[in-house]
């Protein structure tokens, strides 16, 4: 017998405002039961000496240090601006 009944699937679908057919409810019931069985198998594993990880690969921080550096000269930046005035880039107004 399935641990997730068709009625439970229908109830959760109703709470999530999902319209499912009777066939979909039966299929989902079987799929969710299979997921629970797999999770139970994982609970049987001995993980006593296993260090917790956030990723399966040994990843290191690959970003560079956040160091302040001198930016482009204002003349260089304003060369690409379609409209500018007094060293500021002008953009269309969005508020009235």
PDB file of N, CA and C in Angstrom:
ATOM      1  N   UNK A   1       0.836  -1.189   0.000  1.00  0.00           N
ATOM      2  CA  UNK A   1       0.000   0.000   0.000  1.00  0.00           C
ATOM      3  C   UNK A   1       0.877   1.247   0.000  1.00  0.00           C
ATOM      4  N   UNK A   2       0.452   2.248  -0.708  1.00  0.00           N
ATOM      5  CA  UNK A   2       1.195   3.482  -0.846  1.00  0.00           C
ATOM      6  C   UNK A   2       1.116   4.325   0.426  1.00  0.00           C
ATOM      7  N   UNK A   3       2.244   4.953   0.777  1.00  0.00           N
ATOM      8  CA  UNK A   3       2.246   5.846   1.937  1.00  0.00           C
ATOM      9  C   UNK A   3       1.575   7.173   1.620  1.00  0.00           C
ATOM     10  N   UNK A   4       1.555   7.530   0.339  1.00  0.00           N
ATOM     11  CA  UNK A   4       0.902   8.760  -0.108  1.00  0.00           C
ATOM     12  C   UNK A   4      -0.362   8.353  -0.841  1.00  0.00           C
ATOM     13  N   UNK A   5      -1.497   8.634  -0.238  1.00  0.00           N
ATOM     14  CA  UNK A   5      -2.757   8.234  -0.859  1.00  0.00           C
ATOM     15  C   UNK A   5      -3.149   9.205  -1.965  1.00  0.00           C
ATOM     16  N   UNK A   6      -4.029   8.752  -2.822  1.00  0.00           N
ATOM     17  CA  UNK A   6      -4.547   9.590  -3.903  1.00  0.00           C
ATOM     18  C   UNK A   6      -5.275  10.784  -3.304  1.00  0.00           C
ATOM     19  N   UNK A   7      -5.992  10.559  -2.203  1.00  0.00           N
ATOM     20  CA  UNK A   7      -6.701  11.660  -1.545  1.00  0.00           C
ATOM     21  C   UNK A   7      -5.731  12.716  -1.021  1.00  0.00           C
ATOM     22  N   UNK A   8      -4.594  12.273  -0.501  1.00  0.00           N
ATOM     23  CA  UNK A   8      -3.587  13.224  -0.025  1.00  0.00           C
ATOM     24  C   UNK A   8      -3.036  14.042  -1.182  1.00  0.00           C
ATOM     25  N   UNK A   9      -2.773  13.392  -2.302  1.00  0.00           N
ATOM     26  CA  UNK A   9      -2.281  14.103  -3.484  1.00  0.00           C
ATOM     27  C   UNK A   9      -3.313  15.122  -3.945  1.00  0.00           C
ATOM     28  N   UNK A  10      -4.564  14.747  -3.971  1.00  0.00           N
ATOM     29  CA  UNK A  10      -5.624  15.673  -4.385  1.00  0.00           C
ATOM     30  C   UNK A  10      -5.718  16.847  -3.419  1.00  0.00           C
ATOM     31  N   UNK A  11      -5.577  16.561  -2.119  1.00  0.00           N
ATOM     32  CA  UNK A  11      -5.657  17.624  -1.121  1.00  0.00           C
ATOM     33  C   UNK A  11      -4.516  18.634  -1.297  1.00  0.00           C
ATOM     34  N   UNK A  12      -3.300  18.121  -1.471  1.00  0.00           N
ATOM     35  CA  UNK A  12      -2.148  19.005  -1.666  1.00  0.00           C
ATOM     36  C   UNK A  12      -2.299  19.786  -2.971  1.00  0.00           C
ATOM     37  N   UNK A  13      -2.788  19.136  -4.021  1.00  0.00           N
ATOM     38  CA  UNK A  13      -3.013  19.827  -5.295  1.00  0.00           C
ATOM     39  C   UNK A  13      -4.036  20.941  -5.110  1.00  0.00           C
ATOM     40  N   UNK A  14      -5.071  20.670  -4.325  1.00  0.00           N
ATOM     41  CA  UNK A  14      -6.085  21.702  -4.058  1.00  0.00           C
ATOM     42  C   UNK A  14      -5.464  22.884  -3.306  1.00  0.00           C
ATOM     43  N   UNK A  15      -4.639  22.591  -2.295  1.00  0.00           N
ATOM     44  CA  UNK A  15      -3.980  23.659  -1.538  1.00  0.00           C
ATOM     45  C   UNK A  15      -3.069  24.494  -2.428  1.00  0.00           C
ATOM     46  N   UNK A  16      -2.445  23.844  -3.410  1.00  0.00           N
ATOM     47  CA  UNK A  16      -1.539  24.536  -4.332  1.00  0.00           C
ATOM     48  C   UNK A  16      -2.292  25.145  -5.514  1.00  0.00           C
ATOM     49  N   UNK A  17      -3.607  25.000  -5.486  1.00  0.00           N
ATOM     50  CA  UNK A  17      -4.466  25.518  -6.566  1.00  0.00           C
ATOM     51  C   UNK A  17      -4.093  24.920  -7.919  1.00  0.00           C
ATOM     52  N   UNK A  18      -3.836  23.596  -7.913  1.00  0.00           N
ATOM     53  CA  UNK A  18      -3.515  22.870  -9.132  1.00  0.00           C
ATOM     54  C   UNK A  18      -4.691  21.978  -9.503  1.00  0.00           C
ATOM     55  N   UNK A  19      -5.050  21.981 -10.758  1.00  0.00           N
ATOM     56  CA  UNK A  19      -6.109  21.102 -11.244  1.00  0.00           C
ATOM     57  C   UNK A  19      -5.452  19.846 -11.790  1.00  0.00           C
ATOM     58  N   UNK A  20      -5.748  18.688 -11.164  1.00  0.00           N
ATOM     59  CA  UNK A  20      -5.197  17.426 -11.642  1.00  0.00           C
ATOM     60  C   UNK A  20      -6.332  16.434 -11.848  1.00  0.00           C
ATOM     61  N   UNK A  21      -6.110  15.554 -12.803  1.00  0.00           N
ATOM     62  CA  UNK A  21      -7.107  14.521 -13.088  1.00  0.00           C
ATOM     63  C   UNK A  21      -6.901  13.339 -12.145  1.00  0.00           C
ATOM     64  N   UNK A  22      -7.845  12.418 -12.165  1.00  0.00           N
ATOM     65  CA  UNK A  22      -7.745  11.210 -11.341  1.00  0.00           C
ATOM     66  C   UNK A  22      -6.502  10.398 -11.723  1.00  0.00           C
ATOM     67  N   UNK A  23      -6.214  10.308 -13.035  1.00  0.00           N
ATOM     68  CA  UNK A  23      -5.049   9.561 -13.498  1.00  0.00           C
ATOM     69  C   UNK A  23      -3.751  10.237 -13.025  1.00  0.00           C
ATOM     70  N   UNK A  24      -3.711  11.559 -13.076  1.00  0.00           N
ATOM     71  CA  UNK A  24      -2.528  12.277 -12.621  1.00  0.00           C
ATOM     72  C   UNK A  24      -2.329  12.083 -11.120  1.00  0.00           C
ATOM     73  N   UNK A  25      -3.425  12.098 -10.356  1.00  0.00           N
ATOM     74  CA  UNK A  25      -3.332  11.895  -8.907  1.00  0.00           C
ATOM     75  C   UNK A  25      -2.778  10.512  -8.591  1.00  0.00           C
ATOM     76  N   UNK A  26      -3.218   9.494  -9.319  1.00  0.00           N
ATOM     77  CA  UNK A  26      -2.706   8.143  -9.103  1.00  0.00           C
ATOM     78  C   UNK A  26      -1.224   8.049  -9.456  1.00  0.00           C
ATOM     79  N   UNK A  27      -0.859   8.650 -10.591  1.00  0.00           N
ATOM     80  CA  UNK A  27       0.539   8.624 -11.026  1.00  0.00           C
ATOM     81  C   UNK A  27       1.421   9.357 -10.013  1.00  0.00           C
ATOM     82  N   UNK A  28       0.987  10.532  -9.561  1.00  0.00           N
ATOM     83  CA  UNK A  28       1.762  11.295  -8.588  1.00  0.00           C
ATOM     84  C   UNK A  28       1.883  10.549  -7.264  1.00  0.00           C
ATOM     85  N   UNK A  29       0.826   9.855  -6.868  1.00  0.00           N
ATOM     86  CA  UNK A  29       0.852   9.078  -5.634  1.00  0.00           C
ATOM     87  C   UNK A  29       1.956   8.029  -5.696  1.00  0.00           C
ATOM     88  N   UNK A  30       2.060   7.332  -6.826  1.00  0.00           N
ATOM     89  CA  UNK A  30       3.096   6.308  -6.992  1.00  0.00           C
ATOM     90  C   UNK A  30       4.495   6.934  -7.029  1.00  0.00           C
ATOM     91  N   UNK A  31       4.634   8.069  -7.730  1.00  0.00           N
ATOM     92  CA  UNK A  31       5.933   8.724  -7.834  1.00  0.00           C
ATOM     93  C   UNK A  31       6.401   9.250  -6.479  1.00  0.00           C
ATOM     94  N   UNK A  32       5.495   9.861  -5.727  1.00  0.00           N
ATOM     95  CA  UNK A  32       5.862  10.379  -4.411  1.00  0.00           C
ATOM     96  C   UNK A  32       6.202   9.248  -3.452  1.00  0.00           C
ATOM     97  N   UNK A  33       5.505   8.126  -3.567  1.00  0.00           N
ATOM     98  CA  UNK A  33       5.817   6.965  -2.742  1.00  0.00           C
ATOM     99  C   UNK A  33       7.218   6.454  -3.066  1.00  0.00           C
ATOM    100  N   UNK A  34       7.588   6.431  -4.333  1.00  0.00           N
ATOM    101  CA  UNK A  34       8.932   5.992  -4.729  1.00  0.00           C
ATOM    102  C   UNK A  34       9.993   6.933  -4.172  1.00  0.00           C
ATOM    103  N   UNK A  35       9.711   8.225  -4.152  1.00  0.00           N
ATOM    104  CA  UNK A  35      10.660   9.197  -3.596  1.00  0.00           C
ATOM    105  C   UNK A  35      10.848   8.945  -2.102  1.00  0.00           C
ATOM    106  N   UNK A  36       9.746   8.703  -1.388  1.00  0.00           N
ATOM    107  CA  UNK A  36       9.843   8.413   0.046  1.00  0.00           C
ATOM    108  C   UNK A  36      10.624   7.129   0.313  1.00  0.00           C
ATOM    109  N   UNK A  37      10.427   6.110  -0.512  1.00  0.00           N
ATOM    110  CA  UNK A  37      11.169   4.857  -0.345  1.00  0.00           C
ATOM    111  C   UNK A  37      12.665   5.095  -0.543  1.00  0.00           C
ATOM    112  N   UNK A  38      13.023   5.924  -1.529  1.00  0.00           N
ATOM    113  CA  UNK A  38      14.430   6.230  -1.765  1.00  0.00           C
ATOM    114  C   UNK A  38      15.014   6.994  -0.576  1.00  0.00           C
ATOM    115  N   UNK A  39      14.259   7.956  -0.033  1.00  0.00           N
ATOM    116  CA  UNK A  39      14.738   8.714   1.132  1.00  0.00           C
ATOM    117  C   UNK A  39      14.942   7.795   2.326  1.00  0.00           C
ATOM    118  N   UNK A  40      14.071   6.807   2.494  1.00  0.00           N
ATOM    119  CA  UNK A  40      14.232   5.850   3.586  1.00  0.00           C
ATOM    120  C   UNK A  40      15.496   5.019   3.405  1.00  0.00           C
ATOM    121  N   UNK A  41      15.828   4.689   2.162  1.00  0.00           N
ATOM    122  CA  UNK A  41      17.068   3.955   1.903  1.00  0.00           C
ATOM    123  C   UNK A  41      18.271   4.806   2.290  1.00  0.00           C
ATOM    124  N   UNK A  42      18.215   6.102   1.996  1.00  0.00           N
ATOM    125  CA  UNK A  42      19.323   6.984   2.353  1.00  0.00           C
ATOM    126  C   UNK A  42      19.470   7.092   3.862  1.00  0.00           C
ATOM    127  N   UNK A  43      18.363   7.042   4.594  1.00  0.00           N
ATOM    128  CA  UNK A  43      18.426   7.106   6.055  1.00  0.00           C
ATOM    129  C   UNK A  43      19.121   5.893   6.655  1.00  0.00           C
ATOM    130  N   UNK A  44      19.189   4.789   5.937  1.00  0.00           N
ATOM    131  CA  UNK A  44      19.830   3.575   6.433  1.00  0.00           C
ATOM    132  C   UNK A  44      21.352   3.643   6.334  1.00  0.00           C
ATOM    133  N   UNK A  45      21.882   4.599   5.568  1.00  0.00           N
ATOM    134  CA  UNK A  45      23.331   4.702   5.398  1.00  0.00           C
ATOM    135  C   UNK A  45      23.996   5.200   6.670  1.00  0.00           C
ATOM    136  N   UNK A  46      25.187   4.676   6.943  1.00  0.00           N
ATOM    137  CA  UNK A  46      25.970   5.119   8.091  1.00  0.00           C
ATOM    138  C   UNK A  46      26.768   6.355   7.687  1.00  0.00           C
ATOM    139  N   UNK A  47      26.387   7.501   8.194  1.00  0.00           N
ATOM    140  CA  UNK A  47      27.065   8.760   7.860  1.00  0.00           C
ATOM    141  C   UNK A  47      27.774   9.348   9.070  1.00  0.00           C
ATOM    142  N   UNK A  48      28.076   8.504  10.041  1.00  0.00           N
ATOM    143  CA  UNK A  48      28.668   8.970  11.296  1.00  0.00           C
ATOM    144  C   UNK A  48      29.990   9.709  11.074  1.00  0.00           C
ATOM    145  N   UNK A  49      30.871   9.174  10.233  1.00  0.00           N
ATOM    146  CA  UNK A  49      32.195   9.776  10.031  1.00  0.00           C
ATOM    147  C   UNK A  49      32.298  10.575   8.742  1.00  0.00           C
ATOM    148  N   UNK A  50      31.164  10.954   8.191  1.00  0.00           N
ATOM    149  CA  UNK A  50      31.152  11.725   6.948  1.00  0.00           C
ATOM    150  C   UNK A  50      31.009  13.205   7.291  1.00  0.00           C
ATOM    151  N   UNK A  51      31.937  13.987   6.780  1.00  0.00           N
ATOM    152  CA  UNK A  51      31.901  15.428   7.037  1.00  0.00           C
ATOM    153  C   UNK A  51      30.823  16.086   6.169  1.00  0.00           C
ATOM    154  N   UNK A  52      30.001  16.962   6.737  1.00  0.00           N
ATOM    155  CA  UNK A  52      28.964  17.638   5.947  1.00  0.00           C
ATOM    156  C   UNK A  52      29.593  18.488   4.837  1.00  0.00           C
ATOM    157  N   UNK A  53      28.949  18.503   3.688  1.00  0.00           N
ATOM    158  CA  UNK A  53      29.435  19.300   2.564  1.00  0.00           C
ATOM    159  C   UNK A  53      28.279  20.079   1.967  1.00  0.00           C
ATOM    160  N   UNK A  54      28.608  21.185   1.320  1.00  0.00           N
ATOM    161  CA  UNK A  54      27.585  21.947   0.618  1.00  0.00           C
ATOM    162  C   UNK A  54      27.618  21.653  -0.871  1.00  0.00           C
ATOM    163  N   UNK A  55      28.664  20.946  -1.310  1.00  0.00           N
ATOM    164  CA  UNK A  55      28.812  20.637  -2.729  1.00  0.00           C
ATOM    165  C   UNK A  55      29.587  19.334  -2.851  1.00  0.00           C
ATOM    166  N   UNK A  56      29.259  18.534  -3.859  1.00  0.00           N
ATOM    167  CA  UNK A  56      29.927  17.243  -4.000  1.00  0.00           C
ATOM    168  C   UNK A  56      31.380  17.381  -4.448  1.00  0.00           C
ATOM    169  N   UNK A  57      31.714  18.487  -5.090  1.00  0.00           N
ATOM    170  CA  UNK A  57      33.086  18.711  -5.529  1.00  0.00           C
ATOM    171  C   UNK A  57      33.811  19.579  -4.509  1.00  0.00           C
ATOM    172  N   UNK A  58      35.114  19.397  -4.400  1.00  0.00           N
ATOM    173  CA  UNK A  58      35.917  20.205  -3.488  1.00  0.00           C
ATOM    174  C   UNK A  58      36.144  21.572  -4.126  1.00  0.00           C
ATOM    175  N   UNK A  59      35.213  22.474  -3.909  1.00  0.00           N
ATOM    176  CA  UNK A  59      35.266  23.782  -4.555  1.00  0.00           C
ATOM    177  C   UNK A  59      35.932  24.800  -3.619  1.00  0.00           C
ATOM    178  N   UNK A  60      36.683  25.672  -4.191  1.00  0.00           N
ATOM    179  CA  UNK A  60      37.314  26.772  -3.458  1.00  0.00           C
ATOM    180  C   UNK A  60      36.774  28.079  -4.011  1.00  0.00           C
ATOM    181  N   UNK A  61      36.870  29.118  -3.218  1.00  0.00           N
ATOM    182  CA  UNK A  61      36.440  30.433  -3.673  1.00  0.00           C
ATOM    183  C   UNK A  61      37.381  30.889  -4.786  1.00  0.00           C
ATOM    184  N   UNK A  62      36.844  31.076  -5.978  1.00  0.00           N
ATOM    185  CA  UNK A  62      37.684  31.415  -7.125  1.00  0.00           C
ATOM    186  C   UNK A  62      37.610  32.897  -7.463  1.00  0.00           C
ATOM    187  N   UNK A  63      36.979  33.676  -6.598  1.00  0.00           N
ATOM    188  CA  UNK A  63      36.887  35.109  -6.871  1.00  0.00           C
ATOM    189  C   UNK A  63      38.145  35.818  -6.386  1.00  0.00           C
ATOM    190  N   UNK A  64      38.446  36.908  -7.029  1.00  0.00           N
ATOM    191  CA  UNK A  64      39.616  37.682  -6.636  1.00  0.00           C
ATOM    192  C   UNK A  64      39.298  38.496  -5.387  1.00  0.00           C
ATOM    193  N   UNK A  65      40.321  39.003  -4.773  1.00  0.00           N
ATOM    194  CA  UNK A  65      40.135  39.860  -3.613  1.00  0.00           C
ATOM    195  C   UNK A  65      39.425  41.148  -4.034  1.00  0.00           C
ATOM    196  N   UNK A  66      38.607  41.666  -3.156  1.00  0.00           N
ATOM    197  CA  UNK A  66      37.881  42.908  -3.431  1.00  0.00           C
ATOM    198  C   UNK A  66      38.783  44.075  -3.043  1.00  0.00           C
ATOM    199  N   UNK A  67      39.536  44.567  -4.028  1.00  0.00           N
ATOM    200  CA  UNK A  67      40.495  45.635  -3.789  1.00  0.00           C
ATOM    201  C   UNK A  67      40.059  46.854  -4.594  1.00  0.00           C
ATOM    202  N   UNK A  68      40.041  47.999  -3.941  1.00  0.00           N
ATOM    203  CA  UNK A  68      39.671  49.236  -4.621  1.00  0.00           C
ATOM    204  C   UNK A  68      40.744  49.578  -5.653  1.00  0.00           C
ATOM    205  N   UNK A  69      40.285  49.959  -6.833  1.00  0.00           N
ATOM    206  CA  UNK A  69      41.209  50.334  -7.900  1.00  0.00           C
ATOM    207  C   UNK A  69      40.692  51.602  -8.568  1.00  0.00           C
ATOM    208  N   UNK A  70      41.582  52.332  -9.145  1.00  0.00           N
ATOM    209  CA  UNK A  70      41.206  53.568  -9.830  1.00  0.00           C
ATOM    210  C   UNK A  70      40.363  53.225 -11.051  1.00  0.00           C
ATOM    211  N   UNK A  71      39.240  53.937 -11.212  1.00  0.00           N
ATOM    212  CA  UNK A  71      38.350  53.708 -12.339  1.00  0.00           C
ATOM    213  C   UNK A  71      38.785  54.471 -13.577  1.00  0.00           C
ATOM    214  N   UNK A  72      37.932  54.399 -14.587  1.00  0.00           N
ATOM    215  CA  UNK A  72      38.222  55.107 -15.835  1.00  0.00           C
ATOM    216  C   UNK A  72      38.121  56.618 -15.626  1.00  0.00           C
ATOM    217  N   UNK A  73      38.868  57.383 -16.403  1.00  0.00           N
ATOM    218  CA  UNK A  73      38.717  58.840 -16.339  1.00  0.00           C
ATOM    219  C   UNK A  73      37.299  59.228 -16.807  1.00  0.00           C
ATOM    220  N   UNK A  74      36.736  60.279 -16.238  1.00  0.00           N
ATOM    221  CA  UNK A  74      35.363  60.678 -16.538  1.00  0.00           C
ATOM    222  C   UNK A  74      35.185  60.981 -18.030  1.00  0.00           C
ATOM    223  N   UNK A  75      36.206  61.521 -18.671  1.00  0.00           N
ATOM    224  CA  UNK A  75      36.105  61.813 -20.109  1.00  0.00           C
ATOM    225  C   UNK A  75      35.920  60.533 -20.908  1.00  0.00           C
ATOM    226  N   UNK A  76      36.622  59.491 -20.492  1.00  0.00           N
ATOM    227  CA  UNK A  76      36.525  58.188 -21.165  1.00  0.00           C
ATOM    228  C   UNK A  76      35.129  57.587 -21.000  1.00  0.00           C
ATOM    229  N   UNK A  77      34.571  57.709 -19.807  1.00  0.00           N
ATOM    230  CA  UNK A  77      33.232  57.182 -19.533  1.00  0.00           C
ATOM    231  C   UNK A  77      32.189  57.937 -20.328  1.00  0.00           C
ATOM    232  N   UNK A  78      32.290  59.247 -20.366  1.00  0.00           N
ATOM    233  CA  UNK A  78      31.280  60.073 -21.041  1.00  0.00           C
ATOM    234  C   UNK A  78      31.331  59.956 -22.563  1.00  0.00           C
ATOM    235  N   UNK A  79      32.423  59.411 -23.114  1.00  0.00           N
ATOM    236  CA  UNK A  79      32.498  59.220 -24.562  1.00  0.00           C
ATOM    237  C   UNK A  79      31.395  58.286 -25.054  1.00  0.00           C
ATOM    238  N   UNK A  80      30.999  57.304 -24.242  1.00  0.00           N
ATOM    239  CA  UNK A  80      29.991  56.332 -24.641  1.00  0.00           C
ATOM    240  C   UNK A  80      28.576  56.717 -24.210  1.00  0.00           C
ATOM    241  N   UNK A  81      28.437  57.770 -23.425  1.00  0.00           N
ATOM    242  CA  UNK A  81      27.110  58.185 -22.962  1.00  0.00           C
ATOM    243  C   UNK A  81      26.414  58.972 -24.068  1.00  0.00           C
ATOM    244  N   UNK A  82      25.165  58.604 -24.413  1.00  0.00           N
ATOM    245  CA  UNK A  82      24.471  59.327 -25.475  1.00  0.00           C
ATOM    246  C   UNK A  82      24.142  60.773 -25.090  1.00  0.00           C
ATOM    247  N   UNK A  83      23.945  61.048 -23.793  1.00  0.00           N
ATOM    248  CA  UNK A  83      23.605  62.402 -23.344  1.00  0.00           C
ATOM    249  C   UNK A  83      24.254  62.627 -21.985  1.00  0.00           C
ATOM    250  N   UNK A  84      25.010  63.716 -21.861  1.00  0.00           N
ATOM    251  CA  UNK A  84      25.631  64.032 -20.577  1.00  0.00           C
ATOM    252  C   UNK A  84      25.723  65.538 -20.410  1.00  0.00           C
ATOM    253  N   UNK A  85      25.807  65.952 -19.148  1.00  0.00           N
ATOM    254  CA  UNK A  85      25.882  67.377 -18.841  1.00  0.00           C
ATOM    255  C   UNK A  85      26.645  67.531 -17.530  1.00  0.00           C
ATOM    256  N   UNK A  86      27.626  68.405 -17.528  1.00  0.00           N
ATOM    257  CA  UNK A  86      28.425  68.719 -16.341  1.00  0.00           C
ATOM    258  C   UNK A  86      28.991  67.462 -15.670  1.00  0.00           C
ATOM    259  N   UNK A  87      29.495  66.531 -16.463  1.00  0.00           N
ATOM    260  CA  UNK A  87      30.131  65.341 -15.930  1.00  0.00           C
ATOM    261  C   UNK A  87      29.175  64.260 -15.447  1.00  0.00           C
ATOM    262  N   UNK A  88      27.894  64.416 -15.708  1.00  0.00           N
ATOM    263  CA  UNK A  88      26.893  63.443 -15.287  1.00  0.00           C
ATOM    264  C   UNK A  88      26.199  62.860 -16.516  1.00  0.00           C
ATOM    265  N   UNK A  89      25.872  61.581 -16.474  1.00  0.00           N
ATOM    266  CA  UNK A  89      25.127  60.938 -17.559  1.00  0.00           C
ATOM    267  C   UNK A  89      23.658  61.268 -17.368  1.00  0.00           C
ATOM    268  N   UNK A  90      23.028  61.758 -18.420  1.00  0.00           N
ATOM    269  CA  UNK A  90      21.611  62.110 -18.351  1.00  0.00           C
ATOM    270  C   UNK A  90      20.781  60.955 -18.886  1.00  0.00           C
ATOM    271  N   UNK A  91      19.689  60.677 -18.187  1.00  0.00           N
ATOM    272  CA  UNK A  91      18.765  59.622 -18.602  1.00  0.00           C
ATOM    273  C   UNK A  91      17.354  60.200 -18.627  1.00  0.00           C
ATOM    274  N   UNK A  92      16.439  59.586 -19.380  1.00  0.00           N
ATOM    275  CA  UNK A  92      15.071  60.096 -19.414  1.00  0.00           C
ATOM    276  C   UNK A  92      14.424  60.004 -18.033  1.00  0.00           C
ATOM    277  N   UNK A  93      13.600  60.994 -17.725  1.00  0.00           N
ATOM    278  CA  UNK A  93      12.897  61.015 -16.439  1.00  0.00           C
ATOM    279  C   UNK A  93      11.849  59.902 -16.431  1.00  0.00           C
ATOM    280  N   UNK A  94      11.706  59.228 -15.268  1.00  0.00           N
ATOM    281  CA  UNK A  94      10.701  58.184 -15.158  1.00  0.00           C
ATOM    282  C   UNK A  94       9.587  58.578 -14.185  1.00  0.00           C
ATOM    283  N   UNK A  95       9.807  59.629 -13.427  1.00  0.00           N
ATOM    284  CA  UNK A  95       8.809  60.134 -12.501  1.00  0.00           C
ATOM    285  C   UNK A  95       8.286  61.466 -12.997  1.00  0.00           C
ATOM    286  N   UNK A  96       7.044  61.738 -12.690  1.00  0.00           N
ATOM    287  CA  UNK A  96       6.472  63.020 -13.120  1.00  0.00           C
ATOM    288  C   UNK A  96       6.910  64.145 -12.222  1.00  0.00           C
TER     289      UNK A  96
END
